[in-house]
Amino acid sequence: MMKLRALGIAAVAAGGLAFAAASPAAAAWHGHWDHDGGGGAVAAGVIGGLAAGAIIGSAAAAPYYYYGPGPYYAGPVYAPGPYCHWARERVWVNGIGWRIARVQVCD
C-alpha cells in the first residue's frame, strides 16, 4: 500500500513539473520561436522529466517483500528392508505331487 501511495505522489509531482515547465509565457508563438534563453526552460523540463521517470521506475520495479531463503529439503532416507532372494525349493502341487520351483525367500 505504501508503494502505491509513493507511486501516486511521484506521478502527481511529475505532472506538476510538466505543467510548470510548459507555462504560457515560455511557449509563446509570435510568428517565430523566441531564442532569447528559452532553451534553459526546455533543458530543465527534460532533466526534470528524466528524474521523475527514474523515481517512478525505481518505485515500480522494487520488490515488495523479502521472504528469506527457501525451505531445506533433505534427500530421501532409505531404511534397510528385509533381504530377499530367489531359491529353488521343493513344493507340493495339488494333483501332481512334489515339484522343484523357484520361490522368493525373504529373511
PDB file of N, CA and C in Angstrom:
ATOM      1  N   MET A   1       0.828  -1.190   0.000  1.00  0.00           N
ATOM      2  CA  MET A   1       0.000   0.000   0.000  1.00  0.00           C
ATOM      3  C   MET A   1       0.869   1.248   0.000  1.00  0.00           C
ATOM      4  N   MET A   2       1.971   1.207   0.748  1.00  0.00           N
ATOM      5  CA  MET A   2       2.866   2.359   0.814  1.00  0.00           C
ATOM      6  C   MET A   2       3.532   2.613  -0.543  1.00  0.00           C
ATOM      7  N   LYS A   3       3.851   1.523  -1.266  1.00  0.00           N
ATOM      8  CA  LYS A   3       4.470   1.689  -2.578  1.00  0.00           C
ATOM      9  C   LYS A   3       3.489   2.357  -3.542  1.00  0.00           C
ATOM     10  N   LEU A   4       2.235   1.978  -3.459  1.00  0.00           N
ATOM     11  CA  LEU A   4       1.229   2.563  -4.335  1.00  0.00           C
ATOM     12  C   LEU A   4       1.039   4.043  -4.023  1.00  0.00           C
ATOM     13  N   ARG A   5       1.063   4.389  -2.748  1.00  0.00           N
ATOM     14  CA  ARG A   5       0.930   5.790  -2.355  1.00  0.00           C
ATOM     15  C   ARG A   5       2.136   6.598  -2.845  1.00  0.00           C
ATOM     16  N   ALA A   6       3.340   6.050  -2.690  1.00  0.00           N
ATOM     17  CA  ALA A   6       4.548   6.734  -3.154  1.00  0.00           C
ATOM     18  C   ALA A   6       4.526   6.895  -4.671  1.00  0.00           C
ATOM     19  N   LEU A   7       4.039   5.880  -5.371  1.00  0.00           N
ATOM     20  CA  LEU A   7       3.945   5.955  -6.825  1.00  0.00           C
ATOM     21  C   LEU A   7       2.958   7.049  -7.248  1.00  0.00           C
ATOM     22  N   GLY A   8       1.840   7.171  -6.537  1.00  0.00           N
ATOM     23  CA  GLY A   8       0.861   8.217  -6.848  1.00  0.00           C
ATOM     24  C   GLY A   8       1.416   9.610  -6.591  1.00  0.00           C
ATOM     25  N   ILE A   9       2.132   9.764  -5.479  1.00  0.00           N
ATOM     26  CA  ILE A   9       2.733  11.074  -5.183  1.00  0.00           C
ATOM     27  C   ILE A   9       3.769  11.439  -6.234  1.00  0.00           C
ATOM     28  N   ALA A  10       4.575  10.464  -6.661  1.00  0.00           N
ATOM     29  CA  ALA A  10       5.583  10.731  -7.689  1.00  0.00           C
ATOM     30  C   ALA A  10       4.923  11.098  -9.016  1.00  0.00           C
ATOM     31  N   ALA A  11       3.811  10.462  -9.349  1.00  0.00           N
ATOM     32  CA  ALA A  11       3.127  10.778 -10.606  1.00  0.00           C
ATOM     33  C   ALA A  11       2.540  12.187 -10.569  1.00  0.00           C
ATOM     34  N   VAL A  12       1.974  12.569  -9.420  1.00  0.00           N
ATOM     35  CA  VAL A  12       1.431  13.928  -9.301  1.00  0.00           C
ATOM     36  C   VAL A  12       2.550  14.959  -9.374  1.00  0.00           C
ATOM     37  N   ALA A  13       3.683  14.654  -8.752  1.00  0.00           N
ATOM     38  CA  ALA A  13       4.821  15.584  -8.801  1.00  0.00           C
ATOM     39  C   ALA A  13       5.346  15.714 -10.221  1.00  0.00           C
ATOM     40  N   ALA A  14       5.415  14.612 -10.955  1.00  0.00           N
ATOM     41  CA  ALA A  14       5.883  14.670 -12.342  1.00  0.00           C
ATOM     42  C   ALA A  14       4.913  15.474 -13.205  1.00  0.00           C
ATOM     43  N   GLY A  15       3.616  15.301 -12.961  1.00  0.00           N
ATOM     44  CA  GLY A  15       2.630  16.092 -13.711  1.00  0.00           C
ATOM     45  C   GLY A  15       2.749  17.570 -13.398  1.00  0.00           C
ATOM     46  N   GLY A  16       2.996  17.915 -12.127  1.00  0.00           N
ATOM     47  CA  GLY A  16       3.180  19.313 -11.747  1.00  0.00           C
ATOM     48  C   GLY A  16       4.419  19.910 -12.379  1.00  0.00           C
ATOM     49  N   LEU A  17       5.500  19.131 -12.456  1.00  0.00           N
ATOM     50  CA  LEU A  17       6.719  19.618 -13.110  1.00  0.00           C
ATOM     51  C   LEU A  17       6.473  19.852 -14.595  1.00  0.00           C
ATOM     52  N   ALA A  18       5.767  18.963 -15.233  1.00  0.00           N
ATOM     53  CA  ALA A  18       5.489  19.130 -16.662  1.00  0.00           C
ATOM     54  C   ALA A  18       4.598  20.343 -16.905  1.00  0.00           C
ATOM     55  N   PHE A  19       3.630  20.556 -16.028  1.00  0.00           N
ATOM     56  CA  PHE A  19       2.743  21.707 -16.182  1.00  0.00           C
ATOM     57  C   PHE A  19       3.504  23.019 -15.959  1.00  0.00           C
ATOM     58  N   ALA A  20       4.401  23.037 -14.970  1.00  0.00           N
ATOM     59  CA  ALA A  20       5.167  24.252 -14.689  1.00  0.00           C
ATOM     60  C   ALA A  20       6.191  24.536 -15.778  1.00  0.00           C
ATOM     61  N   ALA A  21       6.757  23.494 -16.389  1.00  0.00           N
ATOM     62  CA  ALA A  21       7.769  23.696 -17.426  1.00  0.00           C
ATOM     63  C   ALA A  21       7.146  24.253 -18.706  1.00  0.00           C
ATOM     64  N   ALA A  22       5.898  23.964 -18.976  1.00  0.00           N
ATOM     65  CA  ALA A  22       5.245  24.417 -20.203  1.00  0.00           C
ATOM     66  C   ALA A  22       4.290  25.570 -19.907  1.00  0.00           C
ATOM     67  N   SER A  23       4.788  26.574 -19.234  1.00  0.00           N
ATOM     68  CA  SER A  23       3.938  27.730 -18.928  1.00  0.00           C
ATOM     69  C   SER A  23       3.691  28.543 -20.200  1.00  0.00           C
ATOM     70  N   PRO A  24       2.597  29.299 -20.278  1.00  0.00           N
ATOM     71  CA  PRO A  24       2.275  30.056 -21.488  1.00  0.00           C
ATOM     72  C   PRO A  24       3.320  31.132 -21.821  1.00  0.00           C
ATOM     73  N   ALA A  25       3.988  31.670 -20.834  1.00  0.00           N
ATOM     74  CA  ALA A  25       4.966  32.715 -21.114  1.00  0.00           C
ATOM     75  C   ALA A  25       6.184  32.160 -21.840  1.00  0.00           C
ATOM     76  N   ALA A  26       6.565  30.940 -21.574  1.00  0.00           N
ATOM     77  CA  ALA A  26       7.751  30.364 -22.200  1.00  0.00           C
ATOM     78  C   ALA A  26       7.426  29.776 -23.568  1.00  0.00           C
ATOM     79  N   ALA A  27       6.183  29.415 -23.812  1.00  0.00           N
ATOM     80  CA  ALA A  27       5.833  28.760 -25.062  1.00  0.00           C
ATOM     81  C   ALA A  27       5.001  29.676 -25.953  1.00  0.00           C
ATOM     82  N   ALA A  28       5.294  30.943 -25.967  1.00  0.00           N
ATOM     83  CA  ALA A  28       4.519  31.892 -26.780  1.00  0.00           C
ATOM     84  C   ALA A  28       4.961  31.816 -28.239  1.00  0.00           C
ATOM     85  N   TRP A  29       3.984  31.934 -29.136  1.00  0.00           N
ATOM     86  CA  TRP A  29       4.261  31.938 -30.577  1.00  0.00           C
ATOM     87  C   TRP A  29       3.910  33.314 -31.110  1.00  0.00           C
ATOM     88  N   HIS A  30       4.916  34.008 -31.598  1.00  0.00           N
ATOM     89  CA  HIS A  30       4.712  35.339 -32.174  1.00  0.00           C
ATOM     90  C   HIS A  30       5.144  35.339 -33.628  1.00  0.00           C
ATOM     91  N   GLY A  31       4.858  34.280 -34.322  1.00  0.00           N
ATOM     92  CA  GLY A  31       5.293  34.173 -35.702  1.00  0.00           C
ATOM     93  C   GLY A  31       6.669  33.558 -35.789  1.00  0.00           C
ATOM     94  N   HIS A  32       7.357  33.451 -34.709  1.00  0.00           N
ATOM     95  CA  HIS A  32       8.656  32.794 -34.638  1.00  0.00           C
ATOM     96  C   HIS A  32       8.885  32.355 -33.188  1.00  0.00           C
ATOM     97  N   TRP A  33       9.801  31.439 -33.010  1.00  0.00           N
ATOM     98  CA  TRP A  33      10.119  30.984 -31.654  1.00  0.00           C
ATOM     99  C   TRP A  33      11.101  31.951 -31.032  1.00  0.00           C
ATOM    100  N   ASP A  34      10.920  32.240 -29.780  1.00  0.00           N
ATOM    101  CA  ASP A  34      11.852  33.109 -29.061  1.00  0.00           C
ATOM    102  C   ASP A  34      13.117  32.323 -28.760  1.00  0.00           C
ATOM    103  N   HIS A  35      14.259  32.852 -29.190  1.00  0.00           N
ATOM    104  CA  HIS A  35      15.535  32.188 -28.941  1.00  0.00           C
ATOM    105  C   HIS A  35      16.384  33.012 -27.986  1.00  0.00           C
ATOM    106  N   ASP A  36      15.744  33.683 -27.084  1.00  0.00           N
ATOM    107  CA  ASP A  36      16.490  34.534 -26.155  1.00  0.00           C
ATOM    108  C   ASP A  36      16.618  33.865 -24.780  1.00  0.00           C
ATOM    109  N   GLY A  37      17.102  32.630 -24.736  1.00  0.00           N
ATOM    110  CA  GLY A  37      17.287  31.955 -23.460  1.00  0.00           C
ATOM    111  C   GLY A  37      16.166  31.016 -23.096  1.00  0.00           C
ATOM    112  N   GLY A  38      15.235  30.703 -23.989  1.00  0.00           N
ATOM    113  CA  GLY A  38      14.146  29.783 -23.701  1.00  0.00           C
ATOM    114  C   GLY A  38      14.612  28.332 -23.654  1.00  0.00           C
ATOM    115  N   GLY A  39      15.849  28.069 -24.118  1.00  0.00           N
ATOM    116  CA  GLY A  39      16.379  26.706 -24.119  1.00  0.00           C
ATOM    117  C   GLY A  39      16.632  26.185 -22.719  1.00  0.00           C
ATOM    118  N   GLY A  40      16.882  27.086 -21.788  1.00  0.00           N
ATOM    119  CA  GLY A  40      17.112  26.650 -20.406  1.00  0.00           C
ATOM    120  C   GLY A  40      15.880  26.036 -19.804  1.00  0.00           C
ATOM    121  N   ALA A  41      14.705  26.556 -20.142  1.00  0.00           N
ATOM    122  CA  ALA A  41      13.457  26.005 -19.625  1.00  0.00           C
ATOM    123  C   ALA A  41      13.203  24.621 -20.222  1.00  0.00           C
ATOM    124  N   VAL A  42      13.537  24.463 -21.501  1.00  0.00           N
ATOM    125  CA  VAL A  42      13.367  23.164 -22.141  1.00  0.00           C
ATOM    126  C   VAL A  42      14.308  22.140 -21.510  1.00  0.00           C
ATOM    127  N   ALA A  43      15.555  22.542 -21.294  1.00  0.00           N
ATOM    128  CA  ALA A  43      16.518  21.638 -20.672  1.00  0.00           C
ATOM    129  C   ALA A  43      16.084  21.263 -19.261  1.00  0.00           C
ATOM    130  N   ALA A  44      15.551  22.231 -18.519  1.00  0.00           N
ATOM    131  CA  ALA A  44      15.079  21.944 -17.170  1.00  0.00           C
ATOM    132  C   ALA A  44      13.895  20.985 -17.213  1.00  0.00           C
ATOM    133  N   GLY A  45      13.025  21.143 -18.190  1.00  0.00           N
ATOM    134  CA  GLY A  45      11.891  20.232 -18.327  1.00  0.00           C
ATOM    135  C   GLY A  45      12.326  18.818 -18.674  1.00  0.00           C
ATOM    136  N   VAL A  46      13.315  18.718 -19.573  1.00  0.00           N
ATOM    137  CA  VAL A  46      13.819  17.397 -19.951  1.00  0.00           C
ATOM    138  C   VAL A  46      14.499  16.715 -18.761  1.00  0.00           C
ATOM    139  N   ILE A  47      15.335  17.452 -18.050  1.00  0.00           N
ATOM    140  CA  ILE A  47      16.027  16.883 -16.886  1.00  0.00           C
ATOM    141  C   ILE A  47      15.029  16.502 -15.798  1.00  0.00           C
ATOM    142  N   GLY A  48      14.036  17.352 -15.558  1.00  0.00           N
ATOM    143  CA  GLY A  48      13.016  17.033 -14.567  1.00  0.00           C
ATOM    144  C   GLY A  48      12.210  15.806 -14.956  1.00  0.00           C
ATOM    145  N   GLY A  49      11.900  15.686 -16.239  1.00  0.00           N
ATOM    146  CA  GLY A  49      11.159  14.513 -16.712  1.00  0.00           C
ATOM    147  C   GLY A  49      11.964  13.232 -16.571  1.00  0.00           C
ATOM    148  N   LEU A  50      13.259  13.312 -16.881  1.00  0.00           N
ATOM    149  CA  LEU A  50      14.111  12.135 -16.706  1.00  0.00           C
ATOM    150  C   LEU A  50      14.220  11.742 -15.237  1.00  0.00           C
ATOM    151  N   ALA A  51      14.359  12.741 -14.358  1.00  0.00           N
ATOM    152  CA  ALA A  51      14.450  12.447 -12.927  1.00  0.00           C
ATOM    153  C   ALA A  51      13.150  11.841 -12.407  1.00  0.00           C
ATOM    154  N   ALA A  52      12.022  12.408 -12.813  1.00  0.00           N
ATOM    155  CA  ALA A  52      10.734  11.867 -12.366  1.00  0.00           C
ATOM    156  C   ALA A  52      10.533  10.451 -12.899  1.00  0.00           C
ATOM    157  N   GLY A  53      10.935  10.195 -14.140  1.00  0.00           N
ATOM    158  CA  GLY A  53      10.827   8.855 -14.703  1.00  0.00           C
ATOM    159  C   GLY A  53      11.700   7.856 -13.965  1.00  0.00           C
ATOM    160  N   ALA A  54      12.890   8.287 -13.554  1.00  0.00           N
ATOM    161  CA  ALA A  54      13.767   7.392 -12.800  1.00  0.00           C
ATOM    162  C   ALA A  54      13.172   7.070 -11.439  1.00  0.00           C
ATOM    163  N   ILE A  55      12.585   8.062 -10.794  1.00  0.00           N
ATOM    164  CA  ILE A  55      11.983   7.837  -9.470  1.00  0.00           C
ATOM    165  C   ILE A  55      10.783   6.902  -9.583  1.00  0.00           C
ATOM    166  N   ILE A  56       9.925   7.144 -10.546  1.00  0.00           N
ATOM    167  CA  ILE A  56       8.734   6.310 -10.719  1.00  0.00           C
ATOM    168  C   ILE A  56       9.128   4.896 -11.137  1.00  0.00           C
ATOM    169  N   GLY A  57      10.099   4.796 -12.041  1.00  0.00           N
ATOM    170  CA  GLY A  57      10.546   3.475 -12.490  1.00  0.00           C
ATOM    171  C   GLY A  57      11.168   2.667 -11.370  1.00  0.00           C
ATOM    172  N   SER A  58      11.969   3.301 -10.529  1.00  0.00           N
ATOM    173  CA  SER A  58      12.587   2.559  -9.429  1.00  0.00           C
ATOM    174  C   SER A  58      11.553   2.173  -8.377  1.00  0.00           C
ATOM    175  N   ALA A  59      10.540   3.011  -8.172  1.00  0.00           N
ATOM    176  CA  ALA A  59       9.490   2.660  -7.210  1.00  0.00           C
ATOM    177  C   ALA A  59       8.633   1.515  -7.735  1.00  0.00           C
ATOM    178  N   ALA A  60       8.395   1.475  -9.041  1.00  0.00           N
ATOM    179  CA  ALA A  60       7.552   0.428  -9.610  1.00  0.00           C
ATOM    180  C   ALA A  60       8.298  -0.897  -9.743  1.00  0.00           C
ATOM    181  N   ALA A  61       9.620  -0.851  -9.931  1.00  0.00           N
ATOM    182  CA  ALA A  61      10.384  -2.072 -10.152  1.00  0.00           C
ATOM    183  C   ALA A  61      10.927  -2.687  -8.870  1.00  0.00           C
ATOM    184  N   ALA A  62      10.818  -2.027  -7.741  1.00  0.00           N
ATOM    185  CA  ALA A  62      11.365  -2.552  -6.493  1.00  0.00           C
ATOM    186  C   ALA A  62      10.555  -3.752  -6.007  1.00  0.00           C
ATOM    187  N   PRO A  63      11.223  -4.784  -5.486  1.00  0.00           N
ATOM    188  CA  PRO A  63      10.465  -5.915  -4.948  1.00  0.00           C
ATOM    189  C   PRO A  63       9.731  -5.510  -3.677  1.00  0.00           C
ATOM    190  N   TYR A  64       8.584  -6.119  -3.466  1.00  0.00           N
ATOM    191  CA  TYR A  64       7.765  -5.730  -2.329  1.00  0.00           C
ATOM    192  C   TYR A  64       8.307  -6.269  -1.015  1.00  0.00           C
ATOM    193  N   TYR A  65       8.511  -7.570  -0.940  1.00  0.00           N
ATOM    194  CA  TYR A  65       8.897  -8.179   0.319  1.00  0.00           C
ATOM    195  C   TYR A  65      10.020  -9.163   0.082  1.00  0.00           C
ATOM    196  N   TYR A  66      10.779  -9.433   1.134  1.00  0.00           N
ATOM    197  CA  TYR A  66      11.805 -10.460   1.089  1.00  0.00           C
ATOM    198  C   TYR A  66      11.411 -11.541   2.074  1.00  0.00           C
ATOM    199  N   TYR A  67      11.227 -12.742   1.592  1.00  0.00           N
ATOM    200  CA  TYR A  67      10.747 -13.822   2.436  1.00  0.00           C
ATOM    201  C   TYR A  67      11.862 -14.661   3.036  1.00  0.00           C
ATOM    202  N   GLY A  68      13.098 -14.386   2.713  1.00  0.00           N
ATOM    203  CA  GLY A  68      14.202 -15.179   3.249  1.00  0.00           C
ATOM    204  C   GLY A  68      14.469 -16.386   2.364  1.00  0.00           C
ATOM    205  N   PRO A  69      15.424 -17.197   2.778  1.00  0.00           N
ATOM    206  CA  PRO A  69      15.757 -18.356   1.951  1.00  0.00           C
ATOM    207  C   PRO A  69      14.642 -19.392   1.967  1.00  0.00           C
ATOM    208  N   GLY A  70      14.615 -20.196   0.949  1.00  0.00           N
ATOM    209  CA  GLY A  70      13.587 -21.227   0.840  1.00  0.00           C
ATOM    210  C   GLY A  70      13.815 -22.354   1.827  1.00  0.00           C
ATOM    211  N   PRO A  71      12.863 -23.235   1.934  1.00  0.00           N
ATOM    212  CA  PRO A  71      12.988 -24.340   2.888  1.00  0.00           C
ATOM    213  C   PRO A  71      14.060 -25.329   2.440  1.00  0.00           C
ATOM    214  N   TYR A  72      14.635 -26.051   3.384  1.00  0.00           N
ATOM    215  CA  TYR A  72      15.648 -27.055   3.096  1.00  0.00           C
ATOM    216  C   TYR A  72      14.991 -28.424   3.121  1.00  0.00           C
ATOM    217  N   TYR A  73      15.166 -29.146   2.044  1.00  0.00           N
ATOM    218  CA  TYR A  73      14.629 -30.497   1.958  1.00  0.00           C
ATOM    219  C   TYR A  73      15.796 -31.476   1.939  1.00  0.00           C
ATOM    220  N   ALA A  74      15.824 -32.360   2.912  1.00  0.00           N
ATOM    221  CA  ALA A  74      16.872 -33.375   2.950  1.00  0.00           C
ATOM    222  C   ALA A  74      16.589 -34.425   1.880  1.00  0.00           C
ATOM    223  N   GLY A  75      17.601 -35.147   1.499  1.00  0.00           N
ATOM    224  CA  GLY A  75      17.443 -36.191   0.498  1.00  0.00           C
ATOM    225  C   GLY A  75      16.626 -37.345   1.044  1.00  0.00           C
ATOM    226  N   PRO A  76      16.275 -38.271   0.180  1.00  0.00           N
ATOM    227  CA  PRO A  76      15.474 -39.410   0.627  1.00  0.00           C
ATOM    228  C   PRO A  76      16.264 -40.282   1.605  1.00  0.00           C
ATOM    229  N   VAL A  77      15.582 -40.848   2.559  1.00  0.00           N
ATOM    230  CA  VAL A  77      16.191 -41.717   3.552  1.00  0.00           C
ATOM    231  C   VAL A  77      15.740 -43.142   3.255  1.00  0.00           C
ATOM    232  N   TYR A  78      16.704 -44.019   3.066  1.00  0.00           N
ATOM    233  CA  TYR A  78      16.394 -45.407   2.755  1.00  0.00           C
ATOM    234  C   TYR A  78      16.656 -46.260   3.983  1.00  0.00           C
ATOM    235  N   ALA A  79      15.618 -46.883   4.464  1.00  0.00           N
ATOM    236  CA  ALA A  79      15.762 -47.806   5.587  1.00  0.00           C
ATOM    237  C   ALA A  79      16.027 -49.196   5.023  1.00  0.00           C
ATOM    238  N   PRO A  80      16.920 -49.914   5.617  1.00  0.00           N
ATOM    239  CA  PRO A  80      17.183 -51.260   5.088  1.00  0.00           C
ATOM    240  C   PRO A  80      15.977 -52.162   5.283  1.00  0.00           C
ATOM    241  N   GLY A  81      15.551 -52.751   4.216  1.00  0.00           N
ATOM    242  CA  GLY A  81      14.395 -53.644   4.279  1.00  0.00           C
ATOM    243  C   GLY A  81      14.844 -55.076   4.466  1.00  0.00           C
ATOM    244  N   PRO A  82      13.933 -55.978   4.372  1.00  0.00           N
ATOM    245  CA  PRO A  82      14.308 -57.391   4.518  1.00  0.00           C
ATOM    246  C   PRO A  82      15.118 -57.842   3.307  1.00  0.00           C
ATOM    247  N   TYR A  83      16.042 -58.712   3.546  1.00  0.00           N
ATOM    248  CA  TYR A  83      16.861 -59.256   2.466  1.00  0.00           C
ATOM    249  C   TYR A  83      16.087 -60.369   1.782  1.00  0.00           C
ATOM    250  N   CYS A  84      15.855 -60.229   0.489  1.00  0.00           N
ATOM    251  CA  CYS A  84      15.104 -61.234  -0.263  1.00  0.00           C
ATOM    252  C   CYS A  84      15.977 -61.805  -1.373  1.00  0.00           C
ATOM    253  N   HIS A  85      15.772 -63.072  -1.663  1.00  0.00           N
ATOM    254  CA  HIS A  85      16.485 -63.715  -2.762  1.00  0.00           C
ATOM    255  C   HIS A  85      15.613 -64.835  -3.327  1.00  0.00           C
ATOM    256  N   TRP A  86      15.995 -65.306  -4.517  1.00  0.00           N
ATOM    257  CA  TRP A  86      15.265 -66.394  -5.158  1.00  0.00           C
ATOM    258  C   TRP A  86      16.008 -67.699  -4.868  1.00  0.00           C
ATOM    259  N   ALA A  87      15.227 -68.716  -4.575  1.00  0.00           N
ATOM    260  CA  ALA A  87      15.816 -70.035  -4.308  1.00  0.00           C
ATOM    261  C   ALA A  87      14.944 -71.116  -4.922  1.00  0.00           C
ATOM    262  N   ARG A  88      15.567 -72.277  -5.181  1.00  0.00           N
ATOM    263  CA  ARG A  88      14.819 -73.448  -5.680  1.00  0.00           C
ATOM    264  C   ARG A  88      14.445 -74.293  -4.475  1.00  0.00           C
ATOM    265  N   GLU A  89      13.155 -74.580  -4.386  1.00  0.00           N
ATOM    266  CA  GLU A  89      12.672 -75.383  -3.272  1.00  0.00           C
ATOM    267  C   GLU A  89      11.694 -76.436  -3.783  1.00  0.00           C
ATOM    268  N   ARG A  90      11.503 -77.404  -2.959  1.00  0.00           N
ATOM    269  CA  ARG A  90      10.528 -78.449  -3.263  1.00  0.00           C
ATOM    270  C   ARG A  90       9.174 -77.983  -2.770  1.00  0.00           C
ATOM    271  N   VAL A  91       8.169 -77.955  -3.667  1.00  0.00           N
ATOM    272  CA  VAL A  91       6.818 -77.508  -3.314  1.00  0.00           C
ATOM    273  C   VAL A  91       5.813 -78.590  -3.704  1.00  0.00           C
ATOM    274  N   TRP A  92       4.715 -78.626  -2.973  1.00  0.00           N
ATOM    275  CA  TRP A  92       3.651 -79.589  -3.260  1.00  0.00           C
ATOM    276  C   TRP A  92       2.651 -78.933  -4.199  1.00  0.00           C
ATOM    277  N   VAL A  93       2.355 -79.577  -5.318  1.00  0.00           N
ATOM    278  CA  VAL A  93       1.373 -79.112  -6.285  1.00  0.00           C
ATOM    279  C   VAL A  93       0.220 -80.109  -6.257  1.00  0.00           C
ATOM    280  N   ASN A  94      -1.020 -79.617  -5.953  1.00  0.00           N
ATOM    281  CA  ASN A  94      -2.181 -80.495  -5.839  1.00  0.00           C
ATOM    282  C   ASN A  94      -2.428 -81.251  -7.143  1.00  0.00           C
ATOM    283  N   GLY A  95      -2.662 -82.500  -7.042  1.00  0.00           N
ATOM    284  CA  GLY A  95      -2.966 -83.341  -8.198  1.00  0.00           C
ATOM    285  C   GLY A  95      -1.736 -83.816  -8.924  1.00  0.00           C
ATOM    286  N   ILE A  96      -0.575 -83.252  -8.617  1.00  0.00           N
ATOM    287  CA  ILE A  96       0.644 -83.649  -9.330  1.00  0.00           C
ATOM    288  C   ILE A  96       1.632 -84.287  -8.344  1.00  0.00           C
ATOM    289  N   GLY A  97       1.878 -83.595  -7.239  1.00  0.00           N
ATOM    290  CA  GLY A  97       2.835 -84.103  -6.258  1.00  0.00           C
ATOM    291  C   GLY A  97       3.942 -83.083  -6.017  1.00  0.00           C
ATOM    292  N   TRP A  98       5.078 -83.574  -5.591  1.00  0.00           N
ATOM    293  CA  TRP A  98       6.220 -82.680  -5.291  1.00  0.00           C
ATOM    294  C   TRP A  98       6.905 -82.266  -6.586  1.00  0.00           C
ATOM    295  N   ARG A  99       7.234 -80.994  -6.634  1.00  0.00           N
ATOM    296  CA  ARG A  99       7.963 -80.423  -7.771  1.00  0.00           C
ATOM    297  C   ARG A  99       9.013 -79.448  -7.239  1.00  0.00           C
ATOM    298  N   ILE A 100      10.033 -79.160  -8.078  1.00  0.00           N
ATOM    299  CA  ILE A 100      11.048 -78.155  -7.743  1.00  0.00           C
ATOM    300  C   ILE A 100      10.609 -76.844  -8.417  1.00  0.00           C
ATOM    301  N   ALA A 101      10.511 -75.755  -7.622  1.00  0.00           N
ATOM    302  CA  ALA A 101      10.077 -74.479  -8.181  1.00  0.00           C
ATOM    303  C   ALA A 101      10.936 -73.339  -7.591  1.00  0.00           C
ATOM    304  N   ARG A 102      10.996 -72.257  -8.326  1.00  0.00           N
ATOM    305  CA  ARG A 102      11.723 -71.062  -7.820  1.00  0.00           C
ATOM    306  C   ARG A 102      10.761 -70.253  -6.963  1.00  0.00           C
ATOM    307  N   VAL A 103      11.191 -69.935  -5.763  1.00  0.00           N
ATOM    308  CA  VAL A 103      10.368 -69.150  -4.839  1.00  0.00           C
ATOM    309  C   VAL A 103      11.209 -68.020  -4.274  1.00  0.00           C
ATOM    310  N   GLN A 104      10.555 -66.938  -3.879  1.00  0.00           N
ATOM    311  CA  GLN A 104      11.265 -65.807  -3.269  1.00  0.00           C
ATOM    312  C   GLN A 104      11.285 -65.995  -1.761  1.00  0.00           C
ATOM    313  N   VAL A 105      12.487 -65.923  -1.206  1.00  0.00           N
ATOM    314  CA  VAL A 105      12.671 -66.124   0.229  1.00  0.00           C
ATOM    315  C   VAL A 105      13.171 -64.821   0.820  1.00  0.00           C
ATOM    316  N   CYS A 106      12.445 -64.281   1.822  1.00  0.00           N
ATOM    317  CA  CYS A 106      12.846 -63.021   2.475  1.00  0.00           C
ATOM    318  C   CYS A 106      13.199 -63.331   3.932  1.00  0.00           C
ATOM    319  N   ASP A 107      14.351 -62.833   4.365  1.00  0.00           N
ATOM    320  CA  ASP A 107      14.805 -63.063   5.739  1.00  0.00           C
ATOM    321  C   ASP A 107      14.279 -61.997   6.670  1.00  0.00           C
TER     322      ASP A 107
END
